[in-house]
Amino acid sequence: RLYKAGEESVSLETEYVSRVLVEQERLKQALPKVAADAKP
C-alpha cells in the first residue's frame, strides 16, 4: 500500500494490493511442488 501510495485513493490502493497478491498466488501455483513447499 505504501509502495503504491501517492495520489491514488485508498480504494485504488486496496485494489492494487489485491491484484499483486492474486498475481503472486498465480505464480506460486506455477512452481514445482518441491519448490512451492519451500521459499524459492
All heavy atoms as atom14 arrays in JSON, in Angstrom:
{
  "sequence": "RLYKAGEESVSLETEYVSRVLVEQERLKQALPKVAADAKP",
  "atom14_mask": [
    [1, 1, 1, 1, 1, 1, 1, 1, 1, 1, 1, 0, 0, 0],
    [1, 1, 1, 1, 1, 1, 1, 1, 0, 0, 0, 0, 0, 0],
    [1, 1, 1, 1, 1, 1, 1, 1, 1, 1, 1, 1, 0, 0],
    [1, 1, 1, 1, 1, 1, 1, 1, 1, 0, 0, 0, 0, 0],
    [1, 1, 1, 1, 1, 0, 0, 0, 0, 0, 0, 0, 0, 0],
    [1, 1, 1, 1, 0, 0, 0, 0, 0, 0, 0, 0, 0, 0],
    [1, 1, 1, 1, 1, 1, 1, 1, 1, 0, 0, 0, 0, 0],
    [1, 1, 1, 1, 1, 1, 1, 1, 1, 0, 0, 0, 0, 0],
    [1, 1, 1, 1, 1, 1, 0, 0, 0, 0, 0, 0, 0, 0],
    [1, 1, 1, 1, 1, 1, 1, 0, 0, 0, 0, 0, 0, 0],
    [1, 1, 1, 1, 1, 1, 0, 0, 0, 0, 0, 0, 0, 0],
    [1, 1, 1, 1, 1, 1, 1, 1, 0, 0, 0, 0, 0, 0],
    [1, 1, 1, 1, 1, 1, 1, 1, 1, 0, 0, 0, 0, 0],
    [1, 1, 1, 1, 1, 1, 1, 0, 0, 0, 0, 0, 0, 0],
    [1, 1, 1, 1, 1, 1, 1, 1, 1, 0, 0, 0, 0, 0],
    [1, 1, 1, 1, 1, 1, 1, 1, 1, 1, 1, 1, 0, 0],
    [1, 1, 1, 1, 1, 1, 1, 0, 0, 0, 0, 0, 0, 0],
    [1, 1, 1, 1, 1, 1, 0, 0, 0, 0, 0, 0, 0, 0],
    [1, 1, 1, 1, 1, 1, 1, 1, 1, 1, 1, 0, 0, 0],
    [1, 1, 1, 1, 1, 1, 1, 0, 0, 0, 0, 0, 0, 0],
    [1, 1, 1, 1, 1, 1, 1, 1, 0, 0, 0, 0, 0, 0],
    [1, 1, 1, 1, 1, 1, 1, 0, 0, 0, 0, 0, 0, 0],
    [1, 1, 1, 1, 1, 1, 1, 1, 1, 0, 0, 0, 0, 0],
    [1, 1, 1, 1, 1, 1, 1, 1, 1, 0, 0, 0, 0, 0],
    [1, 1, 1, 1, 1, 1, 1, 1, 1, 0, 0, 0, 0, 0],
    [1, 1, 1, 1, 1, 1, 1, 1, 1, 1, 1, 0, 0, 0],
    [1, 1, 1, 1, 1, 1, 1, 1, 0, 0, 0, 0, 0, 0],
    [1, 1, 1, 1, 1, 1, 1, 1, 1, 0, 0, 0, 0, 0],
    [1, 1, 1, 1, 1, 1, 1, 1, 1, 0, 0, 0, 0, 0],
    [1, 1, 1, 1, 1, 0, 0, 0, 0, 0, 0, 0, 0, 0],
    [1, 1, 1, 1, 1, 1, 1, 1, 0, 0, 0, 0, 0, 0],
    [1, 1, 1, 1, 1, 1, 1, 0, 0, 0, 0, 0, 0, 0],
    [1, 1, 1, 1, 1, 1, 1, 1, 1, 0, 0, 0, 0, 0],
    [1, 1, 1, 1, 1, 1, 1, 0, 0, 0, 0, 0, 0, 0],
    [1, 1, 1, 1, 1, 0, 0, 0, 0, 0, 0, 0, 0, 0],
    [1, 1, 1, 1, 1, 0, 0, 0, 0, 0, 0, 0, 0, 0],
    [1, 1, 1, 1, 1, 1, 1, 1, 0, 0, 0, 0, 0, 0],
    [1, 1, 1, 1, 1, 0, 0, 0, 0, 0, 0, 0, 0, 0],
    [1, 1, 1, 1, 1, 1, 1, 1, 1, 0, 0, 0, 0, 0],
    [1, 1, 1, 1, 1, 1, 1, 0, 0, 0, 0, 0, 0, 0]
  ],
  "atom14_positions": [
    [[0.83, -1.2, 0.0], [0.0, 0.0, 0.0], [0.87, 1.26, 0.0], [0.61, 2.22, -0.72], [-0.92, 0.0, 1.22], [-1.98, 1.09, 1.19], [-2.81, 1.07, 2.47], [-3.52, -0.19, 2.62], [-4.68, -0.48, 2.02], [-5.24, 0.42, 1.23], [-5.27, -1.63, 2.21], [0.0, 0.0, 0.0], [0.0, 0.0, 0.0], [0.0, 0.0, 0.0]],
    [[1.95, 1.24, 0.8], [2.85, 2.39, 0.85], [3.64, 2.52, -0.45], [3.9, 3.62, -0.93], [3.81, 2.26, 2.04], [4.79, 3.42, 2.25], [4.05, 4.75, 2.38], [5.68, 3.16, 3.45], [0.0, 0.0, 0.0], [0.0, 0.0, 0.0], [0.0, 0.0, 0.0], [0.0, 0.0, 0.0], [0.0, 0.0, 0.0], [0.0, 0.0, 0.0]],
    [[4.02, 1.38, -1.03], [4.75, 1.4, -2.31], [3.92, 2.09, -3.38], [4.44, 2.83, -4.21], [5.07, -0.04, -2.73], [5.96, -0.15, -3.95], [7.35, -0.15, -3.82], [5.42, -0.27, -5.22], [8.17, -0.25, -4.93], [6.23, -0.38, -6.34], [7.6, -0.37, -6.19], [8.42, -0.47, -7.3], [0.0, 0.0, 0.0], [0.0, 0.0, 0.0]],
    [[2.62, 1.85, -3.34], [1.72, 2.42, -4.34], [1.25, 3.81, -3.96], [0.8, 4.58, -4.82], [0.5, 1.51, -4.51], [-0.49, 1.94, -5.6], [0.15, 1.9, -6.98], [-0.88, 2.17, -8.06], [-0.24, 2.25, -9.4], [0.0, 0.0, 0.0], [0.0, 0.0, 0.0], [0.0, 0.0, 0.0], [0.0, 0.0, 0.0], [0.0, 0.0, 0.0]],
    [[1.35, 4.16, -2.67], [0.73, 5.39, -2.16], [1.22, 6.63, -2.88], [2.34, 6.71, -3.35], [0.99, 5.52, -0.66], [0.0, 0.0, 0.0], [0.0, 0.0, 0.0], [0.0, 0.0, 0.0], [0.0, 0.0, 0.0], [0.0, 0.0, 0.0], [0.0, 0.0, 0.0], [0.0, 0.0, 0.0], [0.0, 0.0, 0.0], [0.0, 0.0, 0.0]],
    [[0.36, 7.64, -2.92], [0.66, 8.9, -3.57], [-0.63, 9.62, -3.85], [-1.4, 9.9, -2.95], [0.0, 0.0, 0.0], [0.0, 0.0, 0.0], [0.0, 0.0, 0.0], [0.0, 0.0, 0.0], [0.0, 0.0, 0.0], [0.0, 0.0, 0.0], [0.0, 0.0, 0.0], [0.0, 0.0, 0.0], [0.0, 0.0, 0.0], [0.0, 0.0, 0.0]],
    [[-0.86, 9.82, -5.13], [-2.1, 10.49, -5.49], [-3.28, 9.53, -5.58], [-4.41, 9.94, -5.76], [-1.93, 11.21, -6.84], [-1.93, 10.31, -8.07], [-0.58, 9.63, -8.3], [0.33, 9.81, -7.49], [-0.45, 8.91, -9.32], [0.0, 0.0, 0.0], [0.0, 0.0, 0.0], [0.0, 0.0, 0.0], [0.0, 0.0, 0.0], [0.0, 0.0, 0.0]],
    [[-2.98, 8.22, -5.45], [-4.05, 7.24, -5.55], [-4.97, 7.3, -4.32], [-4.54, 7.64, -3.22], [-3.45, 5.82, -5.65], [-2.5, 5.64, -6.82], [-3.2, 5.59, -8.16], [-4.45, 5.71, -8.17], [-2.53, 5.44, -9.18], [0.0, 0.0, 0.0], [0.0, 0.0, 0.0], [0.0, 0.0, 0.0], [0.0, 0.0, 0.0], [0.0, 0.0, 0.0]],
    [[-6.24, 6.95, -4.5], [-7.18, 6.9, -3.39], [-6.98, 5.61, -2.6], [-6.32, 4.68, -3.06], [-8.61, 6.95, -3.91], [-8.9, 5.76, -4.65], [0.0, 0.0, 0.0], [0.0, 0.0, 0.0], [0.0, 0.0, 0.0], [0.0, 0.0, 0.0], [0.0, 0.0, 0.0], [0.0, 0.0, 0.0], [0.0, 0.0, 0.0], [0.0, 0.0, 0.0]],
    [[-7.55, 5.55, -1.41], [-7.44, 4.35, -0.59], [-8.03, 3.15, -1.32], [-7.47, 2.05, -1.29], [-8.16, 4.56, 0.76], [-8.2, 3.27, 1.56], [-7.47, 5.65, 1.57], [0.0, 0.0, 0.0], [0.0, 0.0, 0.0], [0.0, 0.0, 0.0], [0.0, 0.0, 0.0], [0.0, 0.0, 0.0], [0.0, 0.0, 0.0], [0.0, 0.0, 0.0]],
    [[-9.15, 3.33, -2.0], [-9.8, 2.22, -2.69], [-8.92, 1.68, -3.81], [-8.83, 0.47, -4.03], [-11.16, 2.64, -3.25], [-11.02, 3.69, -4.2], [0.0, 0.0, 0.0], [0.0, 0.0, 0.0], [0.0, 0.0, 0.0], [0.0, 0.0, 0.0], [0.0, 0.0, 0.0], [0.0, 0.0, 0.0], [0.0, 0.0, 0.0], [0.0, 0.0, 0.0]],
    [[-8.25, 2.57, -4.53], [-7.38, 2.12, -5.61], [-6.15, 1.43, -5.05], [-5.64, 0.46, -5.64], [-6.95, 3.31, -6.48], [-8.03, 3.88, -7.4], [-7.5, 5.09, -8.17], [-8.53, 2.82, -8.37], [0.0, 0.0, 0.0], [0.0, 0.0, 0.0], [0.0, 0.0, 0.0], [0.0, 0.0, 0.0], [0.0, 0.0, 0.0], [0.0, 0.0, 0.0]],
    [[-5.63, 1.88, -3.93], [-4.5, 1.2, -3.3], [-4.92, -0.2, -2.86], [-4.15, -1.15, -3.0], [-4.0, 2.01, -2.1], [-3.28, 3.29, -2.5], [-3.03, 4.19, -1.3], [-3.18, 3.71, -0.16], [-2.67, 5.36, -1.51], [0.0, 0.0, 0.0], [0.0, 0.0, 0.0], [0.0, 0.0, 0.0], [0.0, 0.0, 0.0], [0.0, 0.0, 0.0]],
    [[-6.13, -0.33, -2.32], [-6.62, -1.64, -1.89], [-6.74, -2.58, -3.08], [-6.37, -3.75, -3.0], [-7.99, -1.49, -1.2], [-7.85, -0.63, -0.05], [-8.53, -2.83, -0.74], [0.0, 0.0, 0.0], [0.0, 0.0, 0.0], [0.0, 0.0, 0.0], [0.0, 0.0, 0.0], [0.0, 0.0, 0.0], [0.0, 0.0, 0.0], [0.0, 0.0, 0.0]],
    [[-7.24, -2.06, -4.18], [-7.33, -2.86, -5.41], [-5.95, -3.28, -5.88], [-5.74, -4.41, -6.31], [-8.03, -2.05, -6.5], [-8.14, -2.8, -7.82], [-8.71, -1.94, -8.94], [-9.05, -0.77, -8.67], [-8.8, -2.43, -10.07], [0.0, 0.0, 0.0], [0.0, 0.0, 0.0], [0.0, 0.0, 0.0], [0.0, 0.0, 0.0], [0.0, 0.0, 0.0]],
    [[-4.98, -2.38, -5.77], [-3.61, -2.67, -6.19], [-3.02, -3.8, -5.34], [-2.45, -4.75, -5.88], [-2.74, -1.42, -6.03], [-1.26, -1.64, -6.2], [-0.69, -1.73, -7.46], [-0.43, -1.76, -5.09], [0.67, -1.93, -7.62], [0.93, -1.96, -5.24], [1.47, -2.05, -6.5], [2.83, -2.25, -6.65], [0.0, 0.0, 0.0], [0.0, 0.0, 0.0]],
    [[-3.19, -3.72, -4.04], [-2.68, -4.76, -3.15], [-3.3, -6.1, -3.51], [-2.61, -7.12, -3.6], [-2.97, -4.41, -1.67], [-2.61, -5.59, -0.76], [-2.19, -3.17, -1.25], [0.0, 0.0, 0.0], [0.0, 0.0, 0.0], [0.0, 0.0, 0.0], [0.0, 0.0, 0.0], [0.0, 0.0, 0.0], [0.0, 0.0, 0.0], [0.0, 0.0, 0.0]],
    [[-4.6, -6.11, -3.75], [-5.3, -7.34, -4.11], [-4.76, -7.91, -5.41], [-4.53, -9.13, -5.52], [-6.79, -7.07, -4.22], [-7.48, -8.23, -4.64], [0.0, 0.0, 0.0], [0.0, 0.0, 0.0], [0.0, 0.0, 0.0], [0.0, 0.0, 0.0], [0.0, 0.0, 0.0], [0.0, 0.0, 0.0], [0.0, 0.0, 0.0], [0.0, 0.0, 0.0]],
    [[-4.56, -7.07, -6.4], [-4.05, -7.53, -7.7], [-2.66, -8.14, -7.57], [-2.36, -9.18, -8.18], [-4.03, -6.38, -8.69], [-5.4, -5.91, -9.15], [-5.26, -4.68, -10.04], [-4.48, -4.97, -11.24], [-3.88, -4.05, -11.97], [-3.97, -2.77, -11.63], [-3.21, -4.39, -13.05], [0.0, 0.0, 0.0], [0.0, 0.0, 0.0], [0.0, 0.0, 0.0]],
    [[-1.8, -7.51, -6.78], [-0.45, -8.03, -6.6], [-0.49, -9.4, -5.91], [0.18, -10.35, -6.34], [0.42, -7.06, -5.79], [1.75, -7.72, -5.4], [0.7, -5.79, -6.59], [0.0, 0.0, 0.0], [0.0, 0.0, 0.0], [0.0, 0.0, 0.0], [0.0, 0.0, 0.0], [0.0, 0.0, 0.0], [0.0, 0.0, 0.0], [0.0, 0.0, 0.0]],
    [[-1.29, -9.52, -4.87], [-1.34, -10.77, -4.12], [-1.97, -11.9, -4.95], [-1.55, -13.05, -4.85], [-2.12, -10.58, -2.82], [-1.46, -9.62, -1.81], [-2.31, -9.5, -0.56], [-0.04, -10.08, -1.46], [0.0, 0.0, 0.0], [0.0, 0.0, 0.0], [0.0, 0.0, 0.0], [0.0, 0.0, 0.0], [0.0, 0.0, 0.0], [0.0, 0.0, 0.0]],
    [[-2.95, -11.56, -5.77], [-3.55, -12.57, -6.66], [-2.52, -13.04, -7.69], [-2.4, -14.24, -7.96], [-4.8, -12.0, -7.37], [-5.24, -12.91, -8.52], [-5.93, -11.84, -6.37], [0.0, 0.0, 0.0], [0.0, 0.0, 0.0], [0.0, 0.0, 0.0], [0.0, 0.0, 0.0], [0.0, 0.0, 0.0], [0.0, 0.0, 0.0], [0.0, 0.0, 0.0]],
    [[-1.77, -12.11, -8.24], [-0.74, -12.48, -9.22], [0.36, -13.29, -8.55], [0.88, -14.25, -9.14], [-0.16, -11.23, -9.88], [0.99, -11.48, -10.85], [0.61, -12.32, -12.06], [-0.58, -12.7, -12.2], [1.51, -12.61, -12.86], [0.0, 0.0, 0.0], [0.0, 0.0, 0.0], [0.0, 0.0, 0.0], [0.0, 0.0, 0.0], [0.0, 0.0, 0.0]],
    [[0.72, -12.93, -7.34], [1.73, -13.71, -6.63], [1.26, -15.15, -6.42], [2.03, -16.1, -6.59], [2.07, -13.08, -5.28], [3.16, -13.85, -4.54], [3.45, -13.32, -3.15], [2.62, -12.62, -2.56], [4.61, -13.66, -2.61], [0.0, 0.0, 0.0], [0.0, 0.0, 0.0], [0.0, 0.0, 0.0], [0.0, 0.0, 0.0], [0.0, 0.0, 0.0]],
    [[0.0, -15.31, -6.05], [-0.53, -16.66, -5.85], [-0.52, -17.45, -7.16], [-0.23, -18.66, -7.16], [-1.94, -16.58, -5.28], [-2.57, -17.94, -4.97], [-1.77, -18.75, -3.97], [-1.08, -18.16, -3.12], [-1.84, -20.0, -4.04], [0.0, 0.0, 0.0], [0.0, 0.0, 0.0], [0.0, 0.0, 0.0], [0.0, 0.0, 0.0], [0.0, 0.0, 0.0]],
    [[-0.84, -16.79, -8.26], [-0.79, -17.47, -9.57], [0.62, -17.98, -9.85], [0.8, -19.11, -10.32], [-1.23, -16.51, -10.68], [-1.3, -17.14, -12.07], [-1.56, -16.11, -13.15], [-0.36, -15.35, -13.47], [0.56, -15.75, -14.36], [0.44, -16.9, -15.0], [1.62, -14.99, -14.6], [0.0, 0.0, 0.0], [0.0, 0.0, 0.0], [0.0, 0.0, 0.0]],
    [[1.6, -17.15, -9.57], [2.99, -17.54, -9.8], [3.41, -18.67, -8.87], [4.13, -19.6, -9.29], [3.9, -16.33, -9.61], [3.74, -15.21, -10.65], [4.48, -13.96, -10.21], [4.23, -15.67, -12.02], [0.0, 0.0, 0.0], [0.0, 0.0, 0.0], [0.0, 0.0, 0.0], [0.0, 0.0, 0.0], [0.0, 0.0, 0.0], [0.0, 0.0, 0.0]],
    [[2.99, -18.62, -7.63], [3.32, -19.69, -6.69], [2.74, -21.02, -7.15], [3.37, -22.08, -6.98], [2.8, -19.36, -5.29], [3.61, -18.3, -4.55], [3.05, -18.09, -3.15], [3.92, -17.15, -2.34], [3.41, -16.94, -0.96], [0.0, 0.0, 0.0], [0.0, 0.0, 0.0], [0.0, 0.0, 0.0], [0.0, 0.0, 0.0], [0.0, 0.0, 0.0]],
    [[1.53, -20.97, -7.72], [0.9, -22.19, -8.2], [1.67, -22.81, -9.37], [1.54, -24.01, -9.64], [-0.54, -21.9, -8.63], [-1.48, -21.55, -7.48], [-1.61, -22.69, -6.48], [-1.7, -23.85, -6.85], [-1.61, -22.34, -5.19], [0.0, 0.0, 0.0], [0.0, 0.0, 0.0], [0.0, 0.0, 0.0], [0.0, 0.0, 0.0], [0.0, 0.0, 0.0]],
    [[2.45, -21.99, -10.05], [3.23, -22.49, -11.2], [4.51, -23.2, -10.77], [5.13, -23.9, -11.58], [3.58, -21.33, -12.13], [0.0, 0.0, 0.0], [0.0, 0.0, 0.0], [0.0, 0.0, 0.0], [0.0, 0.0, 0.0], [0.0, 0.0, 0.0], [0.0, 0.0, 0.0], [0.0, 0.0, 0.0], [0.0, 0.0, 0.0], [0.0, 0.0, 0.0]],
    [[4.9, -23.03, -9.54], [6.14, -23.63, -9.06], [6.02, -25.15, -8.94], [4.95, -25.67, -8.62], [6.52, -23.06, -7.7], [7.02, -21.62, -7.67], [7.05, -21.09, -6.23], [8.41, -21.52, -8.29], [0.0, 0.0, 0.0], [0.0, 0.0, 0.0], [0.0, 0.0, 0.0], [0.0, 0.0, 0.0], [0.0, 0.0, 0.0], [0.0, 0.0, 0.0]],
    [[7.13, -25.87, -9.2], [7.13, -27.31, -8.93], [6.78, -27.54, -7.46], [7.1, -26.71, -6.61], [8.57, -27.72, -9.23], [9.1, -26.66, -10.13], [8.41, -25.39, -9.72], [0.0, 0.0, 0.0], [0.0, 0.0, 0.0], [0.0, 0.0, 0.0], [0.0, 0.0, 0.0], [0.0, 0.0, 0.0], [0.0, 0.0, 0.0], [0.0, 0.0, 0.0]],
    [[6.18, -28.65, -7.14], [5.7, -28.89, -5.78], [6.79, -28.76, -4.74], [6.61, -28.14, -3.69], [5.03, -30.26, -5.69], [4.49, -30.56, -4.29], [3.66, -31.79, -4.27], [3.2, -32.15, -2.87], [2.68, -31.04, -2.1], [0.0, 0.0, 0.0], [0.0, 0.0, 0.0], [0.0, 0.0, 0.0], [0.0, 0.0, 0.0], [0.0, 0.0, 0.0]],
    [[7.96, -29.33, -5.02], [9.06, -29.25, -4.06], [9.45, -27.82, -3.81], [9.68, -27.38, -2.69], [10.28, -30.07, -4.54], [11.46, -29.86, -3.61], [9.91, -31.54, -4.61], [0.0, 0.0, 0.0], [0.0, 0.0, 0.0], [0.0, 0.0, 0.0], [0.0, 0.0, 0.0], [0.0, 0.0, 0.0], [0.0, 0.0, 0.0], [0.0, 0.0, 0.0]],
    [[9.53, -27.03, -4.91], [9.91, -25.63, -4.79], [8.82, -24.81, -4.13], [9.08, -23.86, -3.41], [10.24, -25.04, -6.17], [0.0, 0.0, 0.0], [0.0, 0.0, 0.0], [0.0, 0.0, 0.0], [0.0, 0.0, 0.0], [0.0, 0.0, 0.0], [0.0, 0.0, 0.0], [0.0, 0.0, 0.0], [0.0, 0.0, 0.0], [0.0, 0.0, 0.0]],
    [[7.57, -25.21, -4.36], [6.46, -24.44, -3.8], [6.34, -24.65, -2.3], [5.86, -23.77, -1.58], [5.16, -24.86, -4.48], [0.0, 0.0, 0.0], [0.0, 0.0, 0.0], [0.0, 0.0, 0.0], [0.0, 0.0, 0.0], [0.0, 0.0, 0.0], [0.0, 0.0, 0.0], [0.0, 0.0, 0.0], [0.0, 0.0, 0.0], [0.0, 0.0, 0.0]],
    [[6.8, -25.8, -1.8], [6.72, -26.09, -0.38], [7.73, -25.3, 0.44], [7.58, -25.15, 1.65], [6.94, -27.59, -0.12], [5.76, -28.4, -0.64], [4.67, -27.82, -0.8], [5.93, -29.61, -0.86], [0.0, 0.0, 0.0], [0.0, 0.0, 0.0], [0.0, 0.0, 0.0], [0.0, 0.0, 0.0], [0.0, 0.0, 0.0], [0.0, 0.0, 0.0]],
    [[8.77, -24.82, -0.24], [9.79, -24.02, 0.43], [9.92, -22.7, -0.3], [9.48, -22.56, -1.43], [11.13, -24.75, 0.42], [0.0, 0.0, 0.0], [0.0, 0.0, 0.0], [0.0, 0.0, 0.0], [0.0, 0.0, 0.0], [0.0, 0.0, 0.0], [0.0, 0.0, 0.0], [0.0, 0.0, 0.0], [0.0, 0.0, 0.0], [0.0, 0.0, 0.0]],
    [[10.53, -21.72, 0.36], [10.75, -20.43, -0.29], [11.7, -20.6, -1.45], [12.77, -21.2, -1.29], [11.33, -19.42, 0.71], [11.62, -18.06, 0.07], [12.25, -17.14, 1.09], [12.63, -15.81, 0.43], [13.27, -14.88, 1.37], [0.0, 0.0, 0.0], [0.0, 0.0, 0.0], [0.0, 0.0, 0.0], [0.0, 0.0, 0.0], [0.0, 0.0, 0.0]],
    [[11.36, -20.13, -2.66], [12.26, -20.27, -3.81], [13.58, -19.56, -3.53], [13.6, -18.42, -3.05], [11.49, -19.57, -4.94], [10.07, -19.56, -4.5], [10.11, -19.45, -3.0], [0.0, 0.0, 0.0], [0.0, 0.0, 0.0], [0.0, 0.0, 0.0], [0.0, 0.0, 0.0], [0.0, 0.0, 0.0], [0.0, 0.0, 0.0], [0.0, 0.0, 0.0]]
  ]
}
